[in-house]
ModelCIF file with pLDDT and N, C-alpha, C, O atoms, coordinates in Angstrom:
data_MODEL
#
_entry.id   MODEL 
#
_entity.id                         1 
_entity.type                       polymer 
_entity.pdbx_number_of_molecules   1 
#
_entity_poly.entity_id                      1 
_entity_poly.type                           'polypeptide(L)' 
_entity_poly.nstd_linkage                   no 
_entity_poly.nstd_monomer                   no 
_entity_poly.pdbx_seq_one_letter_code       DLNNQSQKQISSSIAKEFKPKWVDDNTIEFDSPNSAE 
_entity_poly.pdbx_seq_one_letter_code_can   DLNNQSQKQISSSIAKEFKPKWVDDNTIEFDSPNSAE 
_entity_poly.pdbx_strand_id                 A 
#
loop_
_entity_poly_seq.entity_id 
_entity_poly_seq.num 
_entity_poly_seq.mon_id 
_entity_poly_seq.hetero 
1 1  ASP n 
1 2  LEU n 
1 3  ASN n 
1 4  ASN n 
1 5  GLN n 
1 6  SER n 
1 7  GLN n 
1 8  LYS n 
1 9  GLN n 
1 10 ILE n 
1 11 SER n 
1 12 SER n 
1 13 SER n 
1 14 ILE n 
1 15 ALA n 
1 16 LYS n 
1 17 GLU n 
1 18 PHE n 
1 19 LYS n 
1 20 PRO n 
1 21 LYS n 
1 22 TRP n 
1 23 VAL n 
1 24 ASP n 
1 25 ASP n 
1 26 ASN n 
1 27 THR n 
1 28 ILE n 
1 29 GLU n 
1 30 PHE n 
1 31 ASP n 
1 32 SER n 
1 33 PRO n 
1 34 ASN n 
1 35 SER n 
1 36 ALA n 
1 37 GLU n 
#
_struct_asym.id          A 
_struct_asym.entity_id   1 
#
loop_
_ma_qa_metric.id 
_ma_qa_metric.mode 
_ma_qa_metric.name 
_ma_qa_metric.software_group_id 
_ma_qa_metric.type 
1 global pLDDT . pLDDT 
2 local  pLDDT . pLDDT 
#
_ma_qa_metric_global.metric_id      1 
_ma_qa_metric_global.metric_value   94.11 
_ma_qa_metric_global.model_id       1 
_ma_qa_metric_global.ordinal_id     1 
#
loop_
_ma_qa_metric_local.label_asym_id 
_ma_qa_metric_local.label_comp_id 
_ma_qa_metric_local.label_seq_id 
_ma_qa_metric_local.metric_id 
_ma_qa_metric_local.metric_value 
_ma_qa_metric_local.model_id 
_ma_qa_metric_local.ordinal_id 
A ASP 1  2 97.00 1 1  
A LEU 2  2 97.00 1 2  
A ASN 3  2 95.00 1 3  
A ASN 4  2 95.00 1 4  
A GLN 5  2 94.00 1 5  
A SER 6  2 95.00 1 6  
A GLN 7  2 95.00 1 7  
A LYS 8  2 95.00 1 8  
A GLN 9  2 96.00 1 9  
A ILE 10 2 95.00 1 10 
A SER 11 2 95.00 1 11 
A SER 12 2 94.00 1 12 
A SER 13 2 93.00 1 13 
A ILE 14 2 92.00 1 14 
A ALA 15 2 87.00 1 15 
A LYS 16 2 91.00 1 16 
A GLU 17 2 91.00 1 17 
A PHE 18 2 94.00 1 18 
A LYS 19 2 94.00 1 19 
A PRO 20 2 96.00 1 20 
A LYS 21 2 96.00 1 21 
A TRP 22 2 97.00 1 22 
A VAL 23 2 96.00 1 23 
A ASP 24 2 96.00 1 24 
A ASP 25 2 96.00 1 25 
A ASN 26 2 95.00 1 26 
A THR 27 2 97.00 1 27 
A ILE 28 2 96.00 1 28 
A GLU 29 2 96.00 1 29 
A PHE 30 2 96.00 1 30 
A ASP 31 2 94.00 1 31 
A SER 32 2 94.00 1 32 
A PRO 33 2 92.00 1 33 
A ASN 34 2 89.00 1 34 
A SER 35 2 90.00 1 35 
A ALA 36 2 88.00 1 36 
A GLU 37 2 93.00 1 37 
#
loop_
_atom_site.group_PDB 
_atom_site.id 
_atom_site.type_symbol 
_atom_site.label_atom_id 
_atom_site.label_alt_id 
_atom_site.label_comp_id 
_atom_site.label_asym_id 
_atom_site.label_entity_id 
_atom_site.label_seq_id 
_atom_site.pdbx_PDB_ins_code 
_atom_site.Cartn_x 
_atom_site.Cartn_y 
_atom_site.Cartn_z 
_atom_site.occupancy 
_atom_site.B_iso_or_equiv 
_atom_site.pdbx_formal_charge 
_atom_site.auth_seq_id 
_atom_site.auth_comp_id 
_atom_site.auth_asym_id 
_atom_site.auth_atom_id 
_atom_site.pdbx_PDB_model_num 
ATOM 1   N N  . ASP A 1 1  ? 18.352 19.305 -4.632  1.00 97.00 ? 1  ASP A N  1 
ATOM 2   C CA . ASP A 1 1  ? 18.925 20.633 -4.828  1.00 97.00 ? 1  ASP A CA 1 
ATOM 3   C C  . ASP A 1 1  ? 18.304 21.236 -6.088  1.00 97.00 ? 1  ASP A C  1 
ATOM 4   O O  . ASP A 1 1  ? 18.579 20.776 -7.196  1.00 97.00 ? 1  ASP A O  1 
ATOM 5   N N  . LEU A 1 2  ? 17.476 22.257 -5.924  1.00 97.00 ? 2  LEU A N  1 
ATOM 6   C CA . LEU A 1 2  ? 16.756 22.846 -7.054  1.00 97.00 ? 2  LEU A CA 1 
ATOM 7   C C  . LEU A 1 2  ? 17.706 23.496 -8.057  1.00 97.00 ? 2  LEU A C  1 
ATOM 8   O O  . LEU A 1 2  ? 17.473 23.421 -9.263  1.00 97.00 ? 2  LEU A O  1 
ATOM 9   N N  . ASN A 1 3  ? 18.763 24.126 -7.580  1.00 95.00 ? 3  ASN A N  1 
ATOM 10  C CA . ASN A 1 3  ? 19.687 24.815 -8.482  1.00 95.00 ? 3  ASN A CA 1 
ATOM 11  C C  . ASN A 1 3  ? 20.569 23.834 -9.249  1.00 95.00 ? 3  ASN A C  1 
ATOM 12  O O  . ASN A 1 3  ? 20.811 24.022 -10.441 1.00 95.00 ? 3  ASN A O  1 
ATOM 13  N N  . ASN A 1 4  ? 21.049 22.795 -8.580  1.00 95.00 ? 4  ASN A N  1 
ATOM 14  C CA . ASN A 1 4  ? 21.925 21.813 -9.233  1.00 95.00 ? 4  ASN A CA 1 
ATOM 15  C C  . ASN A 1 4  ? 21.168 20.670 -9.889  1.00 95.00 ? 4  ASN A C  1 
ATOM 16  O O  . ASN A 1 4  ? 21.752 19.881 -10.631 1.00 95.00 ? 4  ASN A O  1 
ATOM 17  N N  . GLN A 1 5  ? 19.856 20.575 -9.618  1.00 94.00 ? 5  GLN A N  1 
ATOM 18  C CA . GLN A 1 5  ? 19.025 19.492 -10.140 1.00 94.00 ? 5  GLN A CA 1 
ATOM 19  C C  . GLN A 1 5  ? 19.616 18.126 -9.796  1.00 94.00 ? 5  GLN A C  1 
ATOM 20  O O  . GLN A 1 5  ? 19.679 17.223 -10.630 1.00 94.00 ? 5  GLN A O  1 
ATOM 21  N N  . SER A 1 6  ? 20.042 18.008 -8.556  1.00 95.00 ? 6  SER A N  1 
ATOM 22  C CA . SER A 1 6  ? 20.605 16.746 -8.077  1.00 95.00 ? 6  SER A CA 1 
ATOM 23  C C  . SER A 1 6  ? 19.955 16.386 -6.751  1.00 95.00 ? 6  SER A C  1 
ATOM 24  O O  . SER A 1 6  ? 19.494 17.266 -6.025  1.00 95.00 ? 6  SER A O  1 
ATOM 25  N N  . GLN A 1 7  ? 19.915 15.108 -6.433  1.00 95.00 ? 7  GLN A N  1 
ATOM 26  C CA . GLN A 1 7  ? 19.295 14.718 -5.185  1.00 95.00 ? 7  GLN A CA 1 
ATOM 27  C C  . GLN A 1 7  ? 20.071 13.617 -4.478  1.00 95.00 ? 7  GLN A C  1 
ATOM 28  O O  . GLN A 1 7  ? 20.865 12.903 -5.089  1.00 95.00 ? 7  GLN A O  1 
ATOM 29  N N  . LYS A 1 8  ? 19.824 13.495 -3.181  1.00 95.00 ? 8  LYS A N  1 
ATOM 30  C CA . LYS A 1 8  ? 20.481 12.496 -2.364  1.00 95.00 ? 8  LYS A CA 1 
ATOM 31  C C  . LYS A 1 8  ? 19.441 11.781 -1.519  1.00 95.00 ? 8  LYS A C  1 
ATOM 32  O O  . LYS A 1 8  ? 18.590 12.420 -0.899  1.00 95.00 ? 8  LYS A O  1 
ATOM 33  N N  . GLN A 1 9  ? 19.507 10.464 -1.497  1.00 96.00 ? 9  GLN A N  1 
ATOM 34  C CA . GLN A 1 9  ? 18.595 9.700  -0.654  1.00 96.00 ? 9  GLN A CA 1 
ATOM 35  C C  . GLN A 1 9  ? 19.107 9.721  0.786   1.00 96.00 ? 9  GLN A C  1 
ATOM 36  O O  . GLN A 1 9  ? 20.282 9.461  1.046   1.00 96.00 ? 9  GLN A O  1 
ATOM 37  N N  . ILE A 1 10 ? 18.205 10.034 1.713   1.00 95.00 ? 10 ILE A N  1 
ATOM 38  C CA . ILE A 1 10 ? 18.575 10.161 3.114   1.00 95.00 ? 10 ILE A CA 1 
ATOM 39  C C  . ILE A 1 10 ? 18.231 8.907  3.912   1.00 95.00 ? 10 ILE A C  1 
ATOM 40  O O  . ILE A 1 10 ? 19.018 8.462  4.747   1.00 95.00 ? 10 ILE A O  1 
ATOM 41  N N  . SER A 1 11 ? 17.050 8.335  3.651   1.00 95.00 ? 11 SER A N  1 
ATOM 42  C CA . SER A 1 11 ? 16.612 7.173  4.417   1.00 95.00 ? 11 SER A CA 1 
ATOM 43  C C  . SER A 1 11 ? 15.543 6.423  3.634   1.00 95.00 ? 11 SER A C  1 
ATOM 44  O O  . SER A 1 11 ? 15.039 6.901  2.619   1.00 95.00 ? 11 SER A O  1 
ATOM 45  N N  . SER A 1 12 ? 15.211 5.233  4.132   1.00 94.00 ? 12 SER A N  1 
ATOM 46  C CA . SER A 1 12 ? 14.167 4.409  3.508   1.00 94.00 ? 12 SER A CA 1 
ATOM 47  C C  . SER A 1 12 ? 13.403 3.671  4.604   1.00 94.00 ? 12 SER A C  1 
ATOM 48  O O  . SER A 1 12 ? 13.989 3.236  5.595   1.00 94.00 ? 12 SER A O  1 
ATOM 49  N N  . SER A 1 13 ? 12.094 3.533  4.419   1.00 93.00 ? 13 SER A N  1 
ATOM 50  C CA . SER A 1 13 ? 11.255 2.838  5.389   1.00 93.00 ? 13 SER A CA 1 
ATOM 51  C C  . SER A 1 13 ? 10.375 1.818  4.672   1.00 93.00 ? 13 SER A C  1 
ATOM 52  O O  . SER A 1 13 ? 10.342 1.758  3.443   1.00 93.00 ? 13 SER A O  1 
ATOM 53  N N  . ILE A 1 14 ? 9.673  1.029  5.455   1.00 92.00 ? 14 ILE A N  1 
ATOM 54  C CA . ILE A 1 14 ? 8.704  0.079  4.905   1.00 92.00 ? 14 ILE A CA 1 
ATOM 55  C C  . ILE A 1 14 ? 7.311  0.633  5.171   1.00 92.00 ? 14 ILE A C  1 
ATOM 56  O O  . ILE A 1 14 ? 6.799  0.548  6.288   1.00 92.00 ? 14 ILE A O  1 
ATOM 57  N N  . ALA A 1 15 ? 6.711  1.195  4.145   1.00 87.00 ? 15 ALA A N  1 
ATOM 58  C CA . ALA A 1 15 ? 5.334  1.707  4.181   1.00 87.00 ? 15 ALA A CA 1 
ATOM 59  C C  . ALA A 1 15 ? 5.083  2.667  5.346   1.00 87.00 ? 15 ALA A C  1 
ATOM 60  O O  . ALA A 1 15 ? 3.998  2.677  5.927   1.00 87.00 ? 15 ALA A O  1 
ATOM 61  N N  . LYS A 1 16 ? 6.080  3.460  5.677   1.00 91.00 ? 16 LYS A N  1 
ATOM 62  C CA . LYS A 1 16 ? 5.962  4.366  6.822   1.00 91.00 ? 16 LYS A CA 1 
ATOM 63  C C  . LYS A 1 16 ? 6.344  5.782  6.410   1.00 91.00 ? 16 LYS A C  1 
ATOM 64  O O  . LYS A 1 16 ? 7.353  5.990  5.737   1.00 91.00 ? 16 LYS A O  1 
ATOM 65  N N  . GLU A 1 17 ? 5.539  6.746  6.816   1.00 91.00 ? 17 GLU A N  1 
ATOM 66  C CA . GLU A 1 17 ? 5.862  8.135  6.504   1.00 91.00 ? 17 GLU A CA 1 
ATOM 67  C C  . GLU A 1 17 ? 6.968  8.654  7.422   1.00 91.00 ? 17 GLU A C  1 
ATOM 68  O O  . GLU A 1 17 ? 7.216  8.103  8.494   1.00 91.00 ? 17 GLU A O  1 
ATOM 69  N N  . PHE A 1 18 ? 7.631  9.733  6.976   1.00 94.00 ? 18 PHE A N  1 
ATOM 70  C CA . PHE A 1 18 ? 8.772  10.267 7.717   1.00 94.00 ? 18 PHE A CA 1 
ATOM 71  C C  . PHE A 1 18 ? 8.453  11.522 8.525   1.00 94.00 ? 18 PHE A C  1 
ATOM 72  O O  . PHE A 1 18 ? 9.123  11.809 9.516   1.00 94.00 ? 18 PHE A O  1 
ATOM 73  N N  . LYS A 1 19 ? 7.423  12.277 8.102   1.00 94.00 ? 19 LYS A N  1 
ATOM 74  C CA . LYS A 1 19 ? 7.122  13.580 8.718   1.00 94.00 ? 19 LYS A CA 1 
ATOM 75  C C  . LYS A 1 19 ? 8.397  14.443 8.795   1.00 94.00 ? 19 LYS A C  1 
ATOM 76  O O  . LYS A 1 19 ? 8.761  14.897 9.880   1.00 94.00 ? 19 LYS A O  1 
ATOM 77  N N  . PRO A 1 20 ? 9.064  14.669 7.682   1.00 96.00 ? 20 PRO A N  1 
ATOM 78  C CA . PRO A 1 20 ? 10.355 15.376 7.705   1.00 96.00 ? 20 PRO A CA 1 
ATOM 79  C C  . PRO A 1 20 ? 10.206 16.878 7.892   1.00 96.00 ? 20 PRO A C  1 
ATOM 80  O O  . PRO A 1 20 ? 9.187  17.460 7.519   1.00 96.00 ? 20 PRO A O  1 
ATOM 81  N N  . LYS A 1 21 ? 11.229 17.506 8.473   1.00 96.00 ? 21 LYS A N  1 
ATOM 82  C CA . LYS A 1 21 ? 11.249 18.965 8.595   1.00 96.00 ? 21 LYS A CA 1 
ATOM 83  C C  . LYS A 1 21 ? 12.693 19.435 8.703   1.00 96.00 ? 21 LYS A C  1 
ATOM 84  O O  . LYS A 1 21 ? 13.584 18.675 9.084   1.00 96.00 ? 21 LYS A O  1 
ATOM 85  N N  . TRP A 1 22 ? 12.906 20.699 8.362   1.00 97.00 ? 22 TRP A N  1 
ATOM 86  C CA . TRP A 1 22 ? 14.207 21.328 8.509   1.00 97.00 ? 22 TRP A CA 1 
ATOM 87  C C  . TRP A 1 22 ? 14.338 21.867 9.931   1.00 97.00 ? 22 TRP A C  1 
ATOM 88  O O  . TRP A 1 22 ? 13.480 22.622 10.388  1.00 97.00 ? 22 TRP A O  1 
ATOM 89  N N  . VAL A 1 23 ? 15.394 21.490 10.624  1.00 96.00 ? 23 VAL A N  1 
ATOM 90  C CA . VAL A 1 23 ? 15.701 22.046 11.940  1.00 96.00 ? 23 VAL A CA 1 
ATOM 91  C C  . VAL A 1 23 ? 16.460 23.360 11.771  1.00 96.00 ? 23 VAL A C  1 
ATOM 92  O O  . VAL A 1 23 ? 16.170 24.349 12.445  1.00 96.00 ? 23 VAL A O  1 
ATOM 93  N N  . ASP A 1 24 ? 17.429 23.357 10.866  1.00 96.00 ? 24 ASP A N  1 
ATOM 94  C CA . ASP A 1 24 ? 18.139 24.554 10.443  1.00 96.00 ? 24 ASP A CA 1 
ATOM 95  C C  . ASP A 1 24 ? 18.618 24.300 9.018   1.00 96.00 ? 24 ASP A C  1 
ATOM 96  O O  . ASP A 1 24 ? 18.253 23.289 8.419   1.00 96.00 ? 24 ASP A O  1 
ATOM 97  N N  . ASP A 1 25 ? 19.429 25.198 8.467   1.00 96.00 ? 25 ASP A N  1 
ATOM 98  C CA . ASP A 1 25 ? 19.835 25.076 7.068   1.00 96.00 ? 25 ASP A CA 1 
ATOM 99  C C  . ASP A 1 25 ? 20.653 23.820 6.780   1.00 96.00 ? 25 ASP A C  1 
ATOM 100 O O  . ASP A 1 25 ? 20.751 23.396 5.629   1.00 96.00 ? 25 ASP A O  1 
ATOM 101 N N  . ASN A 1 26 ? 21.231 23.233 7.799   1.00 95.00 ? 26 ASN A N  1 
ATOM 102 C CA . ASN A 1 26 ? 22.100 22.083 7.585   1.00 95.00 ? 26 ASN A CA 1 
ATOM 103 C C  . ASN A 1 26 ? 21.623 20.812 8.281   1.00 95.00 ? 26 ASN A C  1 
ATOM 104 O O  . ASN A 1 26 ? 22.317 19.796 8.260   1.00 95.00 ? 26 ASN A O  1 
ATOM 105 N N  . THR A 1 27 ? 20.449 20.864 8.894   1.00 97.00 ? 27 THR A N  1 
ATOM 106 C CA . THR A 1 27 ? 19.976 19.715 9.665   1.00 97.00 ? 27 THR A CA 1 
ATOM 107 C C  . THR A 1 27 ? 18.523 19.409 9.355   1.00 97.00 ? 27 THR A C  1 
ATOM 108 O O  . THR A 1 27 ? 17.683 20.309 9.333   1.00 97.00 ? 27 THR A O  1 
ATOM 109 N N  . ILE A 1 28 ? 18.227 18.140 9.114   1.00 96.00 ? 28 ILE A N  1 
ATOM 110 C CA . ILE A 1 28 ? 16.847 17.706 8.936   1.00 96.00 ? 28 ILE A CA 1 
ATOM 111 C C  . ILE A 1 28 ? 16.484 16.724 10.042  1.00 96.00 ? 28 ILE A C  1 
ATOM 112 O O  . ILE A 1 28 ? 17.350 16.085 10.640  1.00 96.00 ? 28 ILE A O  1 
ATOM 113 N N  . GLU A 1 29 ? 15.196 16.622 10.297  1.00 96.00 ? 29 GLU A N  1 
ATOM 114 C CA . GLU A 1 29 ? 14.697 15.716 11.331  1.00 96.00 ? 29 GLU A CA 1 
ATOM 115 C C  . GLU A 1 29 ? 13.521 14.932 10.758  1.00 96.00 ? 29 GLU A C  1 
ATOM 116 O O  . GLU A 1 29 ? 12.714 15.479 10.006  1.00 96.00 ? 29 GLU A O  1 
ATOM 117 N N  . PHE A 1 30 ? 13.426 13.648 11.115  1.00 96.00 ? 30 PHE A N  1 
ATOM 118 C CA . PHE A 1 30 ? 12.346 12.826 10.576  1.00 96.00 ? 30 PHE A CA 1 
ATOM 119 C C  . PHE A 1 30 ? 12.117 11.621 11.478  1.00 96.00 ? 30 PHE A C  1 
ATOM 120 O O  . PHE A 1 30 ? 12.956 11.280 12.311  1.00 96.00 ? 30 PHE A O  1 
ATOM 121 N N  . ASP A 1 31 ? 10.952 10.977 11.293  1.00 94.00 ? 31 ASP A N  1 
ATOM 122 C CA . ASP A 1 31 ? 10.653 9.769  12.053  1.00 94.00 ? 31 ASP A CA 1 
ATOM 123 C C  . ASP A 1 31 ? 11.612 8.658  11.655  1.00 94.00 ? 31 ASP A C  1 
ATOM 124 O O  . ASP A 1 31 ? 11.838 8.412  10.471  1.00 94.00 ? 31 ASP A O  1 
ATOM 125 N N  . SER A 1 32 ? 12.165 7.998  12.642  1.00 94.00 ? 32 SER A N  1 
ATOM 126 C CA . SER A 1 32 ? 13.064 6.877  12.364  1.00 94.00 ? 32 SER A CA 1 
ATOM 127 C C  . SER A 1 32 ? 12.287 5.757  11.675  1.00 94.00 ? 32 SER A C  1 
ATOM 128 O O  . SER A 1 32 ? 11.177 5.430  12.094  1.00 94.00 ? 32 SER A O  1 
ATOM 129 N N  . PRO A 1 33 ? 12.857 5.164  10.621  1.00 92.00 ? 33 PRO A N  1 
ATOM 130 C CA . PRO A 1 33 ? 12.151 4.075  9.923   1.00 92.00 ? 33 PRO A CA 1 
ATOM 131 C C  . PRO A 1 33 ? 12.021 2.801  10.751  1.00 92.00 ? 33 PRO A C  1 
ATOM 132 O O  . PRO A 1 33 ? 11.233 1.918  10.415  1.00 92.00 ? 33 PRO A O  1 
ATOM 133 N N  . ASN A 1 34 ? 12.788 2.706  11.828  1.00 89.00 ? 34 ASN A N  1 
ATOM 134 C CA . ASN A 1 34 ? 12.815 1.465  12.606  1.00 89.00 ? 34 ASN A CA 1 
ATOM 135 C C  . ASN A 1 34 ? 12.310 1.610  14.039  1.00 89.00 ? 34 ASN A C  1 
ATOM 136 O O  . ASN A 1 34 ? 12.334 0.647  14.806  1.00 89.00 ? 34 ASN A O  1 
ATOM 137 N N  . SER A 1 35 ? 11.849 2.815  14.405  1.00 90.00 ? 35 SER A N  1 
ATOM 138 C CA . SER A 1 35 ? 11.358 3.009  15.765  1.00 90.00 ? 35 SER A CA 1 
ATOM 139 C C  . SER A 1 35 ? 10.362 4.161  15.776  1.00 90.00 ? 35 SER A C  1 
ATOM 140 O O  . SER A 1 35 ? 10.069 4.757  14.740  1.00 90.00 ? 35 SER A O  1 
ATOM 141 N N  . ALA A 1 36 ? 9.847  4.464  16.963  1.00 88.00 ? 36 ALA A N  1 
ATOM 142 C CA . ALA A 1 36 ? 8.886  5.552  17.116  1.00 88.00 ? 36 ALA A CA 1 
ATOM 143 C C  . ALA A 1 36 ? 9.586  6.875  17.422  1.00 88.00 ? 36 ALA A C  1 
ATOM 144 O O  . ALA A 1 36 ? 8.919  7.882  17.657  1.00 88.00 ? 36 ALA A O  1 
ATOM 145 N N  . GLU A 1 37 ? 10.910 6.887  17.422  1.00 93.00 ? 37 GLU A N  1 
ATOM 146 C CA . GLU A 1 37 ? 11.667 8.086  17.761  1.00 93.00 ? 37 GLU A CA 1 
ATOM 147 C C  . GLU A 1 37 ? 11.952 8.941  16.528  1.00 93.00 ? 37 GLU A C  1 
ATOM 148 O O  . GLU A 1 37 ? 12.583 9.992  16.638  1.00 93.00 ? 37 GLU A O  1 
#
């Protein structure tokens, strides 16, 4: 959060990228750390 200067961890993987994106203002989408979905 740029205004509050606070952050939250969403997920963690082992040497794998997430390819994250915003679906809407309240939803994010990313590669599952444990599968190809």
